[in-house]
Every structure is written in structure tokens, then in C-alpha cells.
Amino acid sequence: MPRYDYRCRACGDTFEVSRPMREATEPAACPQGHDDTVKLLSTVAVTGRGGSAPAPSAGGGGGCCGGACGC
């Protein structure tokens, strides 16, 4: 279930709410009971392009660091 970050404008508290995506736009009350909250913009680090990652080399060690550590 996705987690959304909020900040309370009344007390400045930052908190998380886990809820289904269909409820993502619903308001969230602060844990201190305040209703004046704002949803924070969350960033997700995504690298590469779907399906374009290089394939591992056949028979060349590989592992976690390309074979340099002997794993």
C-alpha cells in the first residue's frame, strides 16, 4: 500500500499515511488532531529505461560488482 507524506500547517509536524491509491487525494488529519495539512511531493529515484538495460555477459563472473570481489 502506498505511503503519502503530509505536513501540518498548524504545528509543522510531518507525518506519513498509508492508504490505497484511490484515496490519495483525500485530506489527512495531523496526528495532533489538526485538519490544516498539505500533501508533500514525494520523489522516487528511477534509473534506466524499461527493457534497455544491458544484458549480463555470458560466463563472465558478474556478481554484485562485476566479478571484481570474487563473489
N, C-alpha and C. Protein backbone atom coordinates (compact mmCIF):
# COMPACT_ATOMS: atom_id res chain seq x y z
N MET A 1 0.85 -1.16 0.00
CA MET A 1 0.00 0.00 0.00
C MET A 1 0.90 1.24 0.00
N PRO A 2 0.62 2.20 -0.85
CA PRO A 2 1.46 3.41 -0.93
C PRO A 2 1.40 4.23 0.35
N ARG A 3 2.51 4.92 0.62
CA ARG A 3 2.58 5.84 1.75
C ARG A 3 2.69 7.26 1.21
N TYR A 4 1.98 8.16 1.84
CA TYR A 4 1.97 9.56 1.42
C TYR A 4 2.45 10.41 2.59
N ASP A 5 3.27 11.41 2.27
CA ASP A 5 3.81 12.31 3.28
C ASP A 5 2.96 13.58 3.34
N TYR A 6 2.72 14.05 4.56
CA TYR A 6 1.95 15.26 4.79
C TYR A 6 2.68 16.14 5.79
N ARG A 7 2.37 17.45 5.75
CA ARG A 7 2.87 18.38 6.75
C ARG A 7 1.69 19.17 7.29
N CYS A 8 1.66 19.31 8.61
CA CYS A 8 0.61 20.06 9.27
C CYS A 8 0.99 21.54 9.25
N ARG A 9 0.10 22.37 8.76
CA ARG A 9 0.37 23.80 8.73
C ARG A 9 0.22 24.43 10.10
N ALA A 10 -0.54 23.81 10.98
CA ALA A 10 -0.77 24.37 12.32
C ALA A 10 0.42 24.15 13.25
N CYS A 11 0.97 22.92 13.28
CA CYS A 11 2.06 22.63 14.22
C CYS A 11 3.40 22.33 13.54
N GLY A 12 3.41 22.18 12.21
CA GLY A 12 4.65 21.92 11.49
C GLY A 12 5.08 20.47 11.47
N ASP A 13 4.30 19.59 12.08
CA ASP A 13 4.61 18.15 12.12
C ASP A 13 4.58 17.57 10.71
N THR A 14 5.50 16.65 10.41
CA THR A 14 5.50 15.91 9.16
C THR A 14 5.16 14.47 9.51
N PHE A 15 4.25 13.86 8.74
CA PHE A 15 3.81 12.51 9.05
C PHE A 15 3.46 11.76 7.77
N GLU A 16 3.37 10.43 7.88
CA GLU A 16 3.04 9.54 6.77
C GLU A 16 1.67 8.93 6.97
N VAL A 17 0.99 8.69 5.85
CA VAL A 17 -0.29 7.99 5.88
C VAL A 17 -0.23 6.90 4.83
N SER A 18 -0.52 5.65 5.22
CA SER A 18 -0.62 4.54 4.27
C SER A 18 -2.08 4.39 3.90
N ARG A 19 -2.34 4.46 2.59
CA ARG A 19 -3.71 4.33 2.12
C ARG A 19 -3.72 3.88 0.67
N PRO A 20 -4.82 3.32 0.21
CA PRO A 20 -4.91 2.89 -1.19
C PRO A 20 -4.79 4.09 -2.14
N MET A 21 -4.33 3.85 -3.34
CA MET A 21 -4.16 4.91 -4.32
C MET A 21 -5.47 5.64 -4.61
N ARG A 22 -6.58 4.93 -4.54
CA ARG A 22 -7.87 5.58 -4.83
C ARG A 22 -8.22 6.65 -3.80
N GLU A 23 -7.52 6.63 -2.63
CA GLU A 23 -7.75 7.62 -1.59
C GLU A 23 -6.61 8.65 -1.50
N ALA A 24 -5.75 8.68 -2.51
CA ALA A 24 -4.56 9.53 -2.49
C ALA A 24 -4.89 11.02 -2.37
N THR A 25 -6.00 11.45 -2.89
CA THR A 25 -6.34 12.87 -2.86
C THR A 25 -7.18 13.27 -1.66
N GLU A 26 -7.54 12.29 -0.82
CA GLU A 26 -8.35 12.59 0.37
C GLU A 26 -7.51 13.37 1.39
N PRO A 27 -8.13 14.29 2.14
CA PRO A 27 -7.38 15.01 3.17
C PRO A 27 -6.96 14.07 4.31
N ALA A 28 -5.90 14.45 5.00
CA ALA A 28 -5.41 13.66 6.14
C ALA A 28 -5.26 14.56 7.35
N ALA A 29 -5.76 14.11 8.48
CA ALA A 29 -5.63 14.88 9.73
C ALA A 29 -4.26 14.61 10.35
N CYS A 30 -3.70 15.62 10.95
CA CYS A 30 -2.43 15.54 11.67
C CYS A 30 -2.61 14.62 12.89
N PRO A 31 -1.57 13.88 13.29
CA PRO A 31 -1.67 13.05 14.49
C PRO A 31 -2.02 13.86 15.75
N GLN A 32 -1.77 15.17 15.73
CA GLN A 32 -2.10 16.04 16.87
C GLN A 32 -3.55 16.50 16.80
N GLY A 33 -4.28 16.13 15.72
CA GLY A 33 -5.68 16.46 15.60
C GLY A 33 -6.00 17.66 14.73
N HIS A 34 -4.99 18.29 14.14
CA HIS A 34 -5.22 19.44 13.26
C HIS A 34 -5.68 18.98 11.88
N ASP A 35 -6.55 19.76 11.27
CA ASP A 35 -7.05 19.40 9.94
C ASP A 35 -6.36 20.16 8.81
N ASP A 36 -5.58 21.19 9.11
CA ASP A 36 -4.94 22.01 8.09
C ASP A 36 -3.61 21.39 7.67
N THR A 37 -3.68 20.39 6.79
CA THR A 37 -2.48 19.69 6.35
C THR A 37 -2.32 19.82 4.84
N VAL A 38 -1.10 19.60 4.39
CA VAL A 38 -0.81 19.65 2.96
C VAL A 38 -0.01 18.40 2.59
N LYS A 39 -0.36 17.81 1.46
CA LYS A 39 0.35 16.63 0.97
C LYS A 39 1.67 17.08 0.36
N LEU A 40 2.75 16.42 0.73
CA LEU A 40 4.08 16.76 0.23
C LEU A 40 4.38 16.01 -1.06
N LEU A 41 5.18 16.61 -1.88
CA LEU A 41 5.60 15.98 -3.12
C LEU A 41 6.68 14.97 -2.80
N SER A 42 6.46 13.72 -3.14
CA SER A 42 7.45 12.66 -2.93
C SER A 42 8.18 12.42 -4.23
N THR A 43 9.46 12.16 -4.13
CA THR A 43 10.24 11.84 -5.32
C THR A 43 10.67 10.39 -5.25
N VAL A 44 10.70 9.76 -6.39
CA VAL A 44 11.12 8.37 -6.49
C VAL A 44 12.28 8.33 -7.47
N ALA A 45 13.37 7.71 -7.06
CA ALA A 45 14.52 7.60 -7.94
C ALA A 45 14.34 6.40 -8.85
N VAL A 46 14.24 6.67 -10.14
CA VAL A 46 14.11 5.61 -11.13
C VAL A 46 15.22 5.83 -12.14
N THR A 47 15.99 4.78 -12.36
CA THR A 47 17.09 4.90 -13.30
C THR A 47 16.89 3.95 -14.47
N GLY A 48 17.51 4.28 -15.56
CA GLY A 48 17.43 3.42 -16.74
C GLY A 48 16.11 3.57 -17.47
N ARG A 49 15.99 2.82 -18.52
CA ARG A 49 14.77 2.81 -19.33
C ARG A 49 14.29 1.38 -19.39
N GLY A 50 13.01 1.20 -19.27
CA GLY A 50 12.43 -0.14 -19.27
C GLY A 50 12.88 -0.96 -20.46
N GLY A 51 13.48 -2.10 -20.20
CA GLY A 51 13.87 -3.02 -21.27
C GLY A 51 15.17 -2.68 -21.97
N SER A 52 15.83 -1.58 -21.59
CA SER A 52 17.04 -1.22 -22.31
C SER A 52 18.31 -1.45 -21.50
N ALA A 53 18.20 -2.10 -20.36
CA ALA A 53 19.38 -2.38 -19.56
C ALA A 53 20.25 -3.41 -20.27
N PRO A 54 21.57 -3.26 -20.19
CA PRO A 54 22.43 -4.22 -20.87
C PRO A 54 22.29 -5.61 -20.24
N ALA A 55 22.31 -6.60 -21.08
CA ALA A 55 22.21 -7.99 -20.62
C ALA A 55 23.53 -8.40 -19.99
N PRO A 56 23.50 -9.24 -18.96
CA PRO A 56 24.75 -9.70 -18.36
C PRO A 56 25.55 -10.52 -19.36
N SER A 57 26.87 -10.42 -19.27
CA SER A 57 27.72 -11.18 -20.18
C SER A 57 27.71 -12.65 -19.80
N ALA A 58 27.71 -13.50 -20.78
CA ALA A 58 27.64 -14.95 -20.55
C ALA A 58 28.98 -15.46 -20.05
N GLY A 59 28.95 -16.17 -18.91
CA GLY A 59 30.15 -16.82 -18.39
C GLY A 59 31.21 -15.89 -17.87
N GLY A 60 30.89 -14.64 -17.61
CA GLY A 60 31.92 -13.69 -17.20
C GLY A 60 31.89 -13.32 -15.75
N GLY A 61 31.56 -14.20 -14.84
CA GLY A 61 31.59 -13.85 -13.42
C GLY A 61 30.36 -13.11 -13.00
N GLY A 62 30.34 -11.81 -13.23
CA GLY A 62 29.17 -10.99 -12.86
C GLY A 62 29.15 -10.74 -11.37
N GLY A 63 28.14 -11.22 -10.70
CA GLY A 63 28.01 -10.99 -9.26
C GLY A 63 27.60 -9.58 -8.96
N CYS A 64 27.84 -9.16 -7.73
CA CYS A 64 27.37 -7.87 -7.28
C CYS A 64 28.20 -6.72 -7.82
N CYS A 65 29.44 -6.96 -8.18
CA CYS A 65 30.30 -5.86 -8.63
C CYS A 65 31.03 -6.21 -9.93
N GLY A 66 30.42 -7.05 -10.73
CA GLY A 66 31.04 -7.38 -11.99
C GLY A 66 32.16 -8.40 -11.88
N GLY A 67 32.27 -9.07 -10.73
CA GLY A 67 33.29 -10.10 -10.57
C GLY A 67 34.57 -9.64 -9.90
N ALA A 68 34.71 -8.34 -9.62
CA ALA A 68 35.95 -7.81 -9.04
C ALA A 68 36.18 -8.31 -7.60
N CYS A 69 35.11 -8.62 -6.87
CA CYS A 69 35.30 -9.02 -5.47
C CYS A 69 35.32 -10.54 -5.32
N GLY A 70 35.12 -11.28 -6.36
CA GLY A 70 35.15 -12.73 -6.29
C GLY A 70 33.89 -13.36 -5.70
N CYS A 71 32.80 -12.60 -5.68
CA CYS A 71 31.56 -13.13 -5.09
C CYS A 71 30.84 -14.06 -6.02
